[in-house]
Amino acid sequence: MKIVLQFFVGLLIISVLFACGDGSDVLDDIDDIDENDSEEVFVTAKVNGVEFSARGETFVNASSANNSGFFSLGIGAVDVDQGRAKAIALAIVAIDRTEVQVDDTFTETDEAGFGATAGYEEGAIGEEAEIETDEIQAIAIKITAVDQENETISGEFSFTAIDEDTNTTITVTEGVFNKVPLD
């Protein structure tokens, strides 16, 4: 199952980061974002101390599945700025959806593949990623809210990962995801 989880995170990052094309079609959506709306879907964090912010359903996507003896949740977010895109992907795998409760914290995956993983990519829009993390050194994803009625989830996260090709360490801190839809 660990291979499945890594594949899931990889696909999520690739689809979110490079689906933007040249970015011109999605950059117009930035003007429609209400920074003061507490109901807004967003993912924010600091990546190596630099602000990361993805707001609205154009820039934050989620996918979940509850089958084959496990529940998986993937969250992908893209921060687009001046022709560059940065993407964060988070994934949780549990036995079933009822195991994902407020105050639960998910850490590294175990031998069976249950737990959490993440990834980070960065590069020019429409180009191959310049940074692409391969190995997670530490991760924590804490659930802070599950809204069953509106089918959304919120939480906090942090992780450290390495791009083995460039020997770059990515440290993500102060991560927050808010009102991400559970599909």
N, C-alpha and C. Protein backbone atom coordinates (compact mmCIF):
# COMPACT_ATOMS: atom_id res chain seq x y z
N MET A 1 0.82 -1.20 0.00
CA MET A 1 0.00 0.00 0.00
C MET A 1 0.87 1.26 0.00
N LYS A 2 2.09 1.18 0.52
CA LYS A 2 2.96 2.35 0.55
C LYS A 2 3.25 2.84 -0.87
N ILE A 3 3.48 1.92 -1.79
CA ILE A 3 3.72 2.29 -3.19
C ILE A 3 2.49 3.00 -3.75
N VAL A 4 1.30 2.51 -3.42
CA VAL A 4 0.06 3.13 -3.89
C VAL A 4 -0.04 4.55 -3.36
N LEU A 5 0.30 4.75 -2.09
CA LEU A 5 0.24 6.08 -1.48
C LEU A 5 1.23 7.03 -2.14
N GLN A 6 2.47 6.56 -2.39
CA GLN A 6 3.46 7.41 -3.04
C GLN A 6 3.02 7.76 -4.46
N PHE A 7 2.47 6.80 -5.17
CA PHE A 7 1.97 7.04 -6.52
C PHE A 7 0.85 8.07 -6.50
N PHE A 8 -0.07 7.95 -5.51
CA PHE A 8 -1.20 8.86 -5.35
C PHE A 8 -0.71 10.29 -5.14
N VAL A 9 0.27 10.47 -4.26
CA VAL A 9 0.81 11.81 -3.99
C VAL A 9 1.49 12.36 -5.23
N GLY A 10 2.25 11.52 -5.92
CA GLY A 10 2.92 11.96 -7.14
C GLY A 10 1.96 12.43 -8.20
N LEU A 11 0.91 11.66 -8.43
CA LEU A 11 -0.10 12.06 -9.42
C LEU A 11 -0.81 13.34 -9.01
N LEU A 12 -1.10 13.48 -7.72
CA LEU A 12 -1.77 14.67 -7.23
C LEU A 12 -0.92 15.91 -7.48
N ILE A 13 0.36 15.83 -7.16
CA ILE A 13 1.24 16.98 -7.38
C ILE A 13 1.35 17.31 -8.85
N ILE A 14 1.59 16.31 -9.67
CA ILE A 14 1.75 16.55 -11.10
C ILE A 14 0.50 17.18 -11.69
N SER A 15 -0.67 16.64 -11.35
CA SER A 15 -1.90 17.16 -11.94
C SER A 15 -2.19 18.57 -11.46
N VAL A 16 -1.91 18.85 -10.20
CA VAL A 16 -2.19 20.18 -9.67
C VAL A 16 -1.20 21.20 -10.19
N LEU A 17 0.09 20.87 -10.17
CA LEU A 17 1.13 21.83 -10.54
C LEU A 17 1.12 22.15 -12.02
N PHE A 18 1.03 21.14 -12.86
CA PHE A 18 1.21 21.37 -14.28
C PHE A 18 -0.09 21.43 -15.06
N ALA A 19 -1.22 21.28 -14.41
CA ALA A 19 -2.50 21.45 -15.09
C ALA A 19 -2.80 22.92 -15.33
N CYS A 20 -2.00 23.78 -14.77
CA CYS A 20 -2.21 25.21 -14.90
C CYS A 20 -1.86 25.74 -16.29
N GLY A 21 -1.23 24.93 -17.14
CA GLY A 21 -0.83 25.41 -18.46
C GLY A 21 0.11 26.58 -18.32
N ASP A 22 -0.17 27.67 -19.01
CA ASP A 22 0.68 28.84 -18.86
C ASP A 22 0.24 29.73 -17.71
N GLY A 23 -0.84 29.36 -17.05
CA GLY A 23 -1.29 30.08 -15.87
C GLY A 23 -2.23 31.23 -16.15
N SER A 24 -2.35 31.66 -17.38
CA SER A 24 -3.15 32.84 -17.68
C SER A 24 -4.62 32.63 -17.36
N ASP A 25 -5.12 31.39 -17.54
CA ASP A 25 -6.54 31.14 -17.29
C ASP A 25 -6.89 31.12 -15.81
N VAL A 26 -5.94 30.70 -14.95
CA VAL A 26 -6.25 30.63 -13.53
C VAL A 26 -5.87 31.89 -12.78
N LEU A 27 -4.95 32.67 -13.30
CA LEU A 27 -4.54 33.87 -12.58
C LEU A 27 -5.68 34.87 -12.44
N ASP A 28 -6.62 34.84 -13.36
CA ASP A 28 -7.78 35.73 -13.27
C ASP A 28 -8.63 35.41 -12.04
N ASP A 29 -8.61 34.15 -11.57
CA ASP A 29 -9.41 33.76 -10.41
C ASP A 29 -8.89 34.36 -9.11
N ILE A 30 -7.64 34.80 -9.07
CA ILE A 30 -7.07 35.36 -7.85
C ILE A 30 -7.86 36.60 -7.42
N ASP A 31 -8.33 37.39 -8.36
CA ASP A 31 -9.07 38.60 -8.04
C ASP A 31 -10.40 38.30 -7.35
N ASP A 32 -10.93 37.08 -7.52
CA ASP A 32 -12.22 36.72 -6.96
C ASP A 32 -12.13 36.21 -5.52
N ILE A 33 -10.95 36.14 -4.94
CA ILE A 33 -10.76 35.57 -3.61
C ILE A 33 -11.03 36.62 -2.54
N ASP A 34 -11.81 36.24 -1.53
CA ASP A 34 -12.10 37.11 -0.40
C ASP A 34 -11.23 36.66 0.77
N GLU A 35 -10.15 37.40 1.05
CA GLU A 35 -9.19 37.04 2.08
C GLU A 35 -9.81 36.99 3.48
N ASN A 36 -10.95 37.63 3.69
CA ASN A 36 -11.56 37.69 5.02
C ASN A 36 -12.67 36.66 5.22
N ASP A 37 -12.91 35.80 4.24
CA ASP A 37 -13.98 34.81 4.32
C ASP A 37 -13.49 33.57 5.05
N SER A 38 -13.96 33.36 6.30
CA SER A 38 -13.53 32.20 7.10
C SER A 38 -14.06 30.89 6.55
N GLU A 39 -15.02 30.95 5.64
CA GLU A 39 -15.56 29.74 5.02
C GLU A 39 -14.79 29.36 3.76
N GLU A 40 -13.81 30.17 3.39
CA GLU A 40 -13.07 29.93 2.16
C GLU A 40 -12.16 28.71 2.26
N VAL A 41 -12.03 28.01 1.15
CA VAL A 41 -11.11 26.89 1.03
C VAL A 41 -9.71 27.47 0.85
N PHE A 42 -8.76 27.05 1.70
CA PHE A 42 -7.39 27.51 1.51
C PHE A 42 -6.39 26.54 2.13
N VAL A 43 -5.14 26.67 1.66
CA VAL A 43 -3.99 25.99 2.24
C VAL A 43 -2.91 27.05 2.34
N THR A 44 -2.37 27.24 3.56
CA THR A 44 -1.27 28.17 3.76
C THR A 44 -0.16 27.44 4.52
N ALA A 45 1.06 27.93 4.36
CA ALA A 45 2.21 27.34 5.06
C ALA A 45 3.41 28.26 4.86
N LYS A 46 4.50 27.89 5.49
CA LYS A 46 5.79 28.50 5.21
C LYS A 46 6.67 27.38 4.66
N VAL A 47 7.25 27.63 3.50
CA VAL A 47 8.15 26.68 2.85
C VAL A 47 9.55 27.26 2.92
N ASN A 48 10.40 26.64 3.74
CA ASN A 48 11.74 27.18 4.01
C ASN A 48 11.65 28.65 4.40
N GLY A 49 10.64 28.98 5.20
CA GLY A 49 10.45 30.33 5.73
C GLY A 49 9.71 31.29 4.82
N VAL A 50 9.37 30.87 3.59
CA VAL A 50 8.68 31.74 2.63
C VAL A 50 7.20 31.38 2.61
N GLU A 51 6.34 32.40 2.60
CA GLU A 51 4.89 32.19 2.60
C GLU A 51 4.42 31.41 1.38
N PHE A 52 3.54 30.46 1.63
CA PHE A 52 2.85 29.69 0.60
C PHE A 52 1.36 29.91 0.84
N SER A 53 0.61 30.26 -0.21
CA SER A 53 -0.82 30.51 -0.04
C SER A 53 -1.57 30.08 -1.29
N ALA A 54 -2.47 29.14 -1.10
CA ALA A 54 -3.36 28.69 -2.18
C ALA A 54 -4.78 28.88 -1.67
N ARG A 55 -5.58 29.65 -2.40
CA ARG A 55 -6.91 29.98 -1.93
C ARG A 55 -7.94 29.73 -3.02
N GLY A 56 -9.06 29.18 -2.60
CA GLY A 56 -10.16 28.94 -3.53
C GLY A 56 -10.03 27.57 -4.19
N GLU A 57 -11.15 27.07 -4.67
CA GLU A 57 -11.18 25.73 -5.23
C GLU A 57 -10.43 25.61 -6.55
N THR A 58 -10.06 26.72 -7.17
CA THR A 58 -9.22 26.67 -8.36
C THR A 58 -7.81 26.20 -7.99
N PHE A 59 -7.33 26.57 -6.80
CA PHE A 59 -5.97 26.30 -6.39
C PHE A 59 -5.84 25.23 -5.32
N VAL A 60 -6.96 24.76 -4.75
CA VAL A 60 -6.94 23.71 -3.74
C VAL A 60 -7.90 22.62 -4.17
N ASN A 61 -7.40 21.40 -4.26
CA ASN A 61 -8.21 20.26 -4.68
C ASN A 61 -8.05 19.13 -3.68
N ALA A 62 -9.06 18.29 -3.60
CA ALA A 62 -8.98 17.13 -2.72
C ALA A 62 -9.61 15.93 -3.40
N SER A 63 -9.16 14.77 -2.99
CA SER A 63 -9.73 13.53 -3.49
C SER A 63 -9.74 12.55 -2.34
N SER A 64 -10.85 11.86 -2.16
CA SER A 64 -10.91 10.86 -1.10
C SER A 64 -11.60 9.61 -1.62
N ALA A 65 -11.27 8.49 -0.99
CA ALA A 65 -11.88 7.22 -1.36
C ALA A 65 -12.00 6.37 -0.11
N ASN A 66 -13.07 5.64 -0.01
CA ASN A 66 -13.29 4.75 1.13
C ASN A 66 -13.67 3.39 0.56
N ASN A 67 -12.65 2.62 0.20
CA ASN A 67 -12.91 1.30 -0.37
C ASN A 67 -11.71 0.38 -0.18
N SER A 68 -11.89 -0.86 -0.54
CA SER A 68 -10.82 -1.86 -0.49
C SER A 68 -10.13 -1.95 0.87
N GLY A 69 -10.87 -1.71 1.93
CA GLY A 69 -10.32 -1.86 3.27
C GLY A 69 -9.51 -0.69 3.78
N PHE A 70 -9.59 0.46 3.11
CA PHE A 70 -8.90 1.63 3.63
C PHE A 70 -9.56 2.91 3.11
N PHE A 71 -9.28 4.01 3.83
CA PHE A 71 -9.75 5.34 3.44
C PHE A 71 -8.52 6.17 3.08
N SER A 72 -8.56 6.86 1.96
CA SER A 72 -7.46 7.73 1.58
C SER A 72 -8.00 9.14 1.33
N LEU A 73 -7.21 10.12 1.73
CA LEU A 73 -7.54 11.52 1.51
C LEU A 73 -6.29 12.19 0.96
N GLY A 74 -6.43 12.83 -0.18
CA GLY A 74 -5.33 13.59 -0.76
C GLY A 74 -5.74 15.04 -0.93
N ILE A 75 -4.85 15.94 -0.56
CA ILE A 75 -5.10 17.37 -0.70
C ILE A 75 -3.95 17.96 -1.51
N GLY A 76 -4.28 18.67 -2.57
CA GLY A 76 -3.26 19.32 -3.39
C GLY A 76 -3.51 20.81 -3.44
N ALA A 77 -2.46 21.60 -3.35
CA ALA A 77 -2.60 23.06 -3.36
C ALA A 77 -1.49 23.67 -4.20
N VAL A 78 -1.83 24.71 -4.95
CA VAL A 78 -0.86 25.39 -5.81
C VAL A 78 -0.84 26.88 -5.51
N ASP A 79 0.37 27.39 -5.32
CA ASP A 79 0.61 28.82 -5.14
C ASP A 79 1.26 29.30 -6.44
N VAL A 80 0.58 30.19 -7.16
CA VAL A 80 1.07 30.69 -8.44
C VAL A 80 1.48 32.15 -8.26
N ASP A 81 2.72 32.46 -8.68
CA ASP A 81 3.21 33.83 -8.54
C ASP A 81 4.25 34.10 -9.62
N GLN A 82 4.03 35.09 -10.44
CA GLN A 82 4.96 35.57 -11.45
C GLN A 82 5.51 34.45 -12.34
N GLY A 83 4.61 33.64 -12.87
CA GLY A 83 5.00 32.60 -13.81
C GLY A 83 5.59 31.36 -13.18
N ARG A 84 5.58 31.30 -11.86
CA ARG A 84 6.10 30.13 -11.15
C ARG A 84 4.97 29.51 -10.33
N ALA A 85 5.07 28.21 -10.16
CA ALA A 85 4.09 27.49 -9.35
C ALA A 85 4.81 26.66 -8.31
N LYS A 86 4.25 26.67 -7.10
CA LYS A 86 4.73 25.82 -6.01
C LYS A 86 3.53 24.97 -5.62
N ALA A 87 3.75 23.66 -5.43
CA ALA A 87 2.65 22.76 -5.10
C ALA A 87 2.98 21.95 -3.86
N ILE A 88 1.98 21.83 -3.00
CA ILE A 88 2.06 20.97 -1.82
C ILE A 88 0.99 19.91 -1.97
N ALA A 89 1.35 18.66 -1.72
CA ALA A 89 0.39 17.57 -1.70
C ALA A 89 0.49 16.87 -0.36
N LEU A 90 -0.66 16.60 0.24
CA LEU A 90 -0.75 15.87 1.50
C LEU A 90 -1.61 14.64 1.29
N ALA A 91 -1.30 13.56 1.97
CA ALA A 91 -2.13 12.36 1.87
C ALA A 91 -2.19 11.66 3.22
N ILE A 92 -3.39 11.18 3.53
CA ILE A 92 -3.63 10.39 4.74
C ILE A 92 -4.26 9.07 4.30
N VAL A 93 -3.81 7.97 4.90
CA VAL A 93 -4.44 6.67 4.68
C VAL A 93 -4.77 6.09 6.04
N ALA A 94 -6.05 5.74 6.22
CA ALA A 94 -6.54 5.14 7.46
C ALA A 94 -7.39 3.92 7.11
N ILE A 95 -7.78 3.16 8.11
CA ILE A 95 -8.59 1.97 7.85
C ILE A 95 -9.93 2.35 7.25
N ASP A 96 -10.59 3.38 7.81
CA ASP A 96 -11.80 3.90 7.19
C ASP A 96 -12.00 5.35 7.60
N ARG A 97 -12.98 6.00 7.00
CA ARG A 97 -13.20 7.43 7.20
C ARG A 97 -13.51 7.77 8.66
N THR A 98 -14.12 6.86 9.39
CA THR A 98 -14.46 7.14 10.79
C THR A 98 -13.21 7.29 11.66
N GLU A 99 -12.06 6.84 11.18
CA GLU A 99 -10.81 6.99 11.92
C GLU A 99 -10.21 8.38 11.79
N VAL A 100 -10.75 9.19 10.92
CA VAL A 100 -10.23 10.54 10.71
C VAL A 100 -11.11 11.49 11.52
N GLN A 101 -10.68 11.77 12.75
CA GLN A 101 -11.47 12.55 13.70
C GLN A 101 -10.69 13.78 14.15
N VAL A 102 -11.41 14.76 14.71
CA VAL A 102 -10.79 15.96 15.27
C VAL A 102 -9.76 15.55 16.33
N ASP A 103 -8.63 16.21 16.30
CA ASP A 103 -7.47 16.01 17.18
C ASP A 103 -6.63 14.79 16.83
N ASP A 104 -6.99 14.01 15.80
CA ASP A 104 -6.14 12.93 15.34
C ASP A 104 -4.93 13.52 14.63
N THR A 105 -3.76 12.94 14.90
CA THR A 105 -2.54 13.35 14.21
C THR A 105 -1.99 12.14 13.47
N PHE A 106 -1.72 12.34 12.19
CA PHE A 106 -1.17 11.29 11.34
C PHE A 106 0.30 11.61 11.07
N THR A 107 1.14 10.60 11.22
CA THR A 107 2.57 10.77 11.01
C THR A 107 3.03 9.78 9.92
N GLU A 108 4.32 9.51 9.86
CA GLU A 108 4.87 8.66 8.82
C GLU A 108 4.05 7.39 8.63
N THR A 109 4.04 6.89 7.41
CA THR A 109 3.32 5.66 7.12
C THR A 109 4.01 4.47 7.77
N ASP A 110 3.21 3.52 8.22
CA ASP A 110 3.76 2.30 8.81
C ASP A 110 3.98 1.25 7.72
N GLU A 111 4.37 0.04 8.13
CA GLU A 111 4.67 -1.02 7.17
C GLU A 111 3.46 -1.37 6.31
N ALA A 112 2.26 -1.21 6.85
CA ALA A 112 1.04 -1.53 6.11
C ALA A 112 0.61 -0.38 5.18
N GLY A 113 1.26 0.79 5.29
CA GLY A 113 0.92 1.92 4.44
C GLY A 113 -0.04 2.90 5.06
N PHE A 114 -0.43 2.69 6.32
CA PHE A 114 -1.33 3.62 6.99
C PHE A 114 -0.52 4.76 7.60
N GLY A 115 -1.07 5.97 7.57
CA GLY A 115 -0.39 7.15 8.11
C GLY A 115 -0.49 8.30 7.15
N ALA A 116 0.59 9.09 7.07
CA ALA A 116 0.57 10.28 6.23
C ALA A 116 1.84 10.38 5.41
N THR A 117 1.73 11.07 4.31
CA THR A 117 2.88 11.42 3.49
C THR A 117 2.59 12.76 2.82
N ALA A 118 3.60 13.32 2.19
CA ALA A 118 3.45 14.63 1.56
C ALA A 118 4.48 14.77 0.46
N GLY A 119 4.33 15.81 -0.32
CA GLY A 119 5.29 16.11 -1.37
C GLY A 119 5.26 17.58 -1.67
N TYR A 120 6.33 18.05 -2.30
CA TYR A 120 6.45 19.45 -2.69
C TYR A 120 7.13 19.50 -4.04
N GLU A 121 6.64 20.37 -4.92
CA GLU A 121 7.28 20.63 -6.21
C GLU A 121 7.26 22.12 -6.49
N GLU A 122 8.24 22.54 -7.24
CA GLU A 122 8.33 23.96 -7.60
C GLU A 122 8.98 24.09 -8.97
N GLY A 123 8.47 25.03 -9.76
CA GLY A 123 9.07 25.29 -11.06
C GLY A 123 8.29 26.31 -11.84
N ALA A 124 8.80 26.65 -13.00
CA ALA A 124 8.12 27.57 -13.89
C ALA A 124 6.88 26.88 -14.44
N ILE A 125 5.79 27.62 -14.58
CA ILE A 125 4.54 27.07 -15.08
C ILE A 125 4.75 26.52 -16.49
N GLY A 126 4.28 25.30 -16.70
CA GLY A 126 4.40 24.66 -18.01
C GLY A 126 5.75 24.01 -18.26
N GLU A 127 6.70 24.12 -17.32
CA GLU A 127 8.03 23.52 -17.45
C GLU A 127 8.15 22.34 -16.49
N GLU A 128 9.20 21.56 -16.66
CA GLU A 128 9.47 20.47 -15.73
C GLU A 128 9.84 21.07 -14.37
N ALA A 129 9.43 20.40 -13.30
CA ALA A 129 9.71 20.89 -11.95
C ALA A 129 11.21 20.99 -11.70
N GLU A 130 11.63 22.08 -11.05
CA GLU A 130 13.03 22.26 -10.69
C GLU A 130 13.34 21.60 -9.35
N ILE A 131 12.35 21.59 -8.47
CA ILE A 131 12.45 20.92 -7.17
C ILE A 131 11.31 19.92 -7.10
N GLU A 132 11.62 18.69 -6.72
CA GLU A 132 10.61 17.64 -6.62
C GLU A 132 11.04 16.70 -5.49
N THR A 133 10.35 16.78 -4.36
CA THR A 133 10.78 15.98 -3.21
C THR A 133 10.54 14.50 -3.45
N ASP A 134 11.48 13.71 -2.94
CA ASP A 134 11.43 12.26 -3.09
C ASP A 134 11.23 11.55 -1.76
N GLU A 135 11.83 12.07 -0.71
CA GLU A 135 11.89 11.36 0.55
C GLU A 135 11.37 12.24 1.69
N ILE A 136 10.42 11.72 2.45
CA ILE A 136 9.89 12.41 3.63
C ILE A 136 10.74 12.04 4.82
N GLN A 137 11.23 13.04 5.56
CA GLN A 137 11.99 12.77 6.77
C GLN A 137 11.13 12.85 8.02
N ALA A 138 10.13 13.73 8.00
CA ALA A 138 9.22 13.88 9.14
C ALA A 138 7.93 14.49 8.62
N ILE A 139 6.82 14.09 9.25
CA ILE A 139 5.53 14.65 8.85
C ILE A 139 4.55 14.55 10.00
N ALA A 140 3.67 15.54 10.09
CA ALA A 140 2.55 15.51 11.03
C ALA A 140 1.38 16.25 10.39
N ILE A 141 0.24 15.57 10.32
CA ILE A 141 -0.99 16.18 9.85
C ILE A 141 -2.02 16.00 10.96
N LYS A 142 -2.48 17.11 11.52
CA LYS A 142 -3.46 17.08 12.62
C LYS A 142 -4.80 17.58 12.11
N ILE A 143 -5.85 16.82 12.38
CA ILE A 143 -7.20 17.21 11.99
C ILE A 143 -7.76 18.15 13.06
N THR A 144 -8.23 19.34 12.63
CA THR A 144 -8.78 20.31 13.57
C THR A 144 -10.29 20.44 13.47
N ALA A 145 -10.88 20.04 12.33
CA ALA A 145 -12.33 20.11 12.17
C ALA A 145 -12.76 19.16 11.04
N VAL A 146 -13.86 18.48 11.29
CA VAL A 146 -14.51 17.67 10.26
C VAL A 146 -15.97 18.08 10.26
N ASP A 147 -16.42 18.69 9.18
CA ASP A 147 -17.80 19.14 9.04
C ASP A 147 -18.54 18.09 8.21
N GLN A 148 -19.26 17.20 8.91
CA GLN A 148 -19.97 16.10 8.23
C GLN A 148 -21.09 16.64 7.35
N GLU A 149 -21.78 17.68 7.80
CA GLU A 149 -22.91 18.22 7.04
C GLU A 149 -22.46 18.80 5.70
N ASN A 150 -21.40 19.60 5.73
CA ASN A 150 -20.90 20.23 4.50
C ASN A 150 -19.79 19.42 3.83
N GLU A 151 -19.43 18.31 4.44
CA GLU A 151 -18.39 17.41 3.94
C GLU A 151 -17.09 18.14 3.63
N THR A 152 -16.55 18.81 4.69
CA THR A 152 -15.25 19.48 4.57
C THR A 152 -14.37 19.05 5.72
N ILE A 153 -13.08 19.27 5.55
CA ILE A 153 -12.10 18.93 6.58
C ILE A 153 -11.09 20.06 6.70
N SER A 154 -10.62 20.29 7.92
CA SER A 154 -9.62 21.33 8.19
C SER A 154 -8.53 20.73 9.06
N GLY A 155 -7.35 21.30 9.00
CA GLY A 155 -6.27 20.78 9.82
C GLY A 155 -5.01 21.61 9.74
N GLU A 156 -3.97 21.07 10.40
CA GLU A 156 -2.66 21.69 10.45
C GLU A 156 -1.64 20.65 9.99
N PHE A 157 -0.53 21.11 9.42
CA PHE A 157 0.47 20.15 8.96
C PHE A 157 1.87 20.77 8.96
N SER A 158 2.84 19.89 8.98
CA SER A 158 4.24 20.26 8.79
C SER A 158 4.96 19.03 8.27
N PHE A 159 6.00 19.26 7.49
CA PHE A 159 6.82 18.14 7.04
C PHE A 159 8.17 18.63 6.55
N THR A 160 9.11 17.70 6.53
CA THR A 160 10.43 17.93 5.97
C THR A 160 10.66 16.86 4.92
N ALA A 161 11.10 17.29 3.74
CA ALA A 161 11.32 16.37 2.63
C ALA A 161 12.59 16.77 1.88
N ILE A 162 13.13 15.81 1.13
CA ILE A 162 14.37 16.05 0.39
C ILE A 162 14.15 15.77 -1.09
N ASP A 163 14.70 16.65 -1.93
CA ASP A 163 14.81 16.39 -3.36
C ASP A 163 16.20 15.78 -3.53
N GLU A 164 16.25 14.48 -3.76
CA GLU A 164 17.53 13.78 -3.84
C GLU A 164 18.34 14.19 -5.06
N ASP A 165 17.67 14.63 -6.14
CA ASP A 165 18.40 15.04 -7.35
C ASP A 165 19.20 16.32 -7.12
N THR A 166 18.62 17.27 -6.38
CA THR A 166 19.30 18.55 -6.15
C THR A 166 19.87 18.67 -4.74
N ASN A 167 19.63 17.64 -3.92
CA ASN A 167 20.05 17.64 -2.52
C ASN A 167 19.48 18.85 -1.76
N THR A 168 18.24 19.21 -2.10
CA THR A 168 17.55 20.33 -1.48
C THR A 168 16.62 19.82 -0.40
N THR A 169 16.71 20.40 0.79
CA THR A 169 15.79 20.06 1.88
C THR A 169 14.67 21.09 1.89
N ILE A 170 13.44 20.61 1.91
CA ILE A 170 12.26 21.47 1.98
C ILE A 170 11.64 21.28 3.36
N THR A 171 11.52 22.37 4.10
CA THR A 171 10.90 22.33 5.43
C THR A 171 9.62 23.15 5.37
N VAL A 172 8.50 22.48 5.58
CA VAL A 172 7.19 23.12 5.55
C VAL A 172 6.69 23.22 6.98
N THR A 173 6.41 24.45 7.43
CA THR A 173 5.95 24.70 8.79
C THR A 173 4.68 25.54 8.76
N GLU A 174 4.01 25.63 9.90
CA GLU A 174 2.82 26.46 10.08
C GLU A 174 1.75 26.19 9.02
N GLY A 175 1.66 24.96 8.54
CA GLY A 175 0.69 24.60 7.51
C GLY A 175 -0.72 24.52 8.05
N VAL A 176 -1.66 25.05 7.29
CA VAL A 176 -3.08 25.02 7.64
C VAL A 176 -3.87 24.73 6.37
N PHE A 177 -4.83 23.80 6.46
CA PHE A 177 -5.81 23.64 5.38
C PHE A 177 -7.18 23.87 5.99
N ASN A 178 -8.03 24.60 5.25
CA ASN A 178 -9.32 25.04 5.79
C ASN A 178 -10.45 24.70 4.82
N LYS A 179 -11.48 24.06 5.35
CA LYS A 179 -12.73 23.79 4.61
C LYS A 179 -12.49 23.09 3.27
N VAL A 180 -11.53 22.17 3.25
CA VAL A 180 -11.25 21.42 2.03
C VAL A 180 -12.37 20.41 1.83
N PRO A 181 -13.00 20.41 0.66
CA PRO A 181 -14.13 19.51 0.42
C PRO A 181 -13.72 18.03 0.41
N LEU A 182 -14.50 17.21 1.06
CA LEU A 182 -14.36 15.75 0.98
C LEU A 182 -15.31 15.30 -0.11
N ASP A 183 -14.79 14.70 -1.16
CA ASP A 183 -15.69 14.27 -2.23
C ASP A 183 -16.07 12.82 -2.08
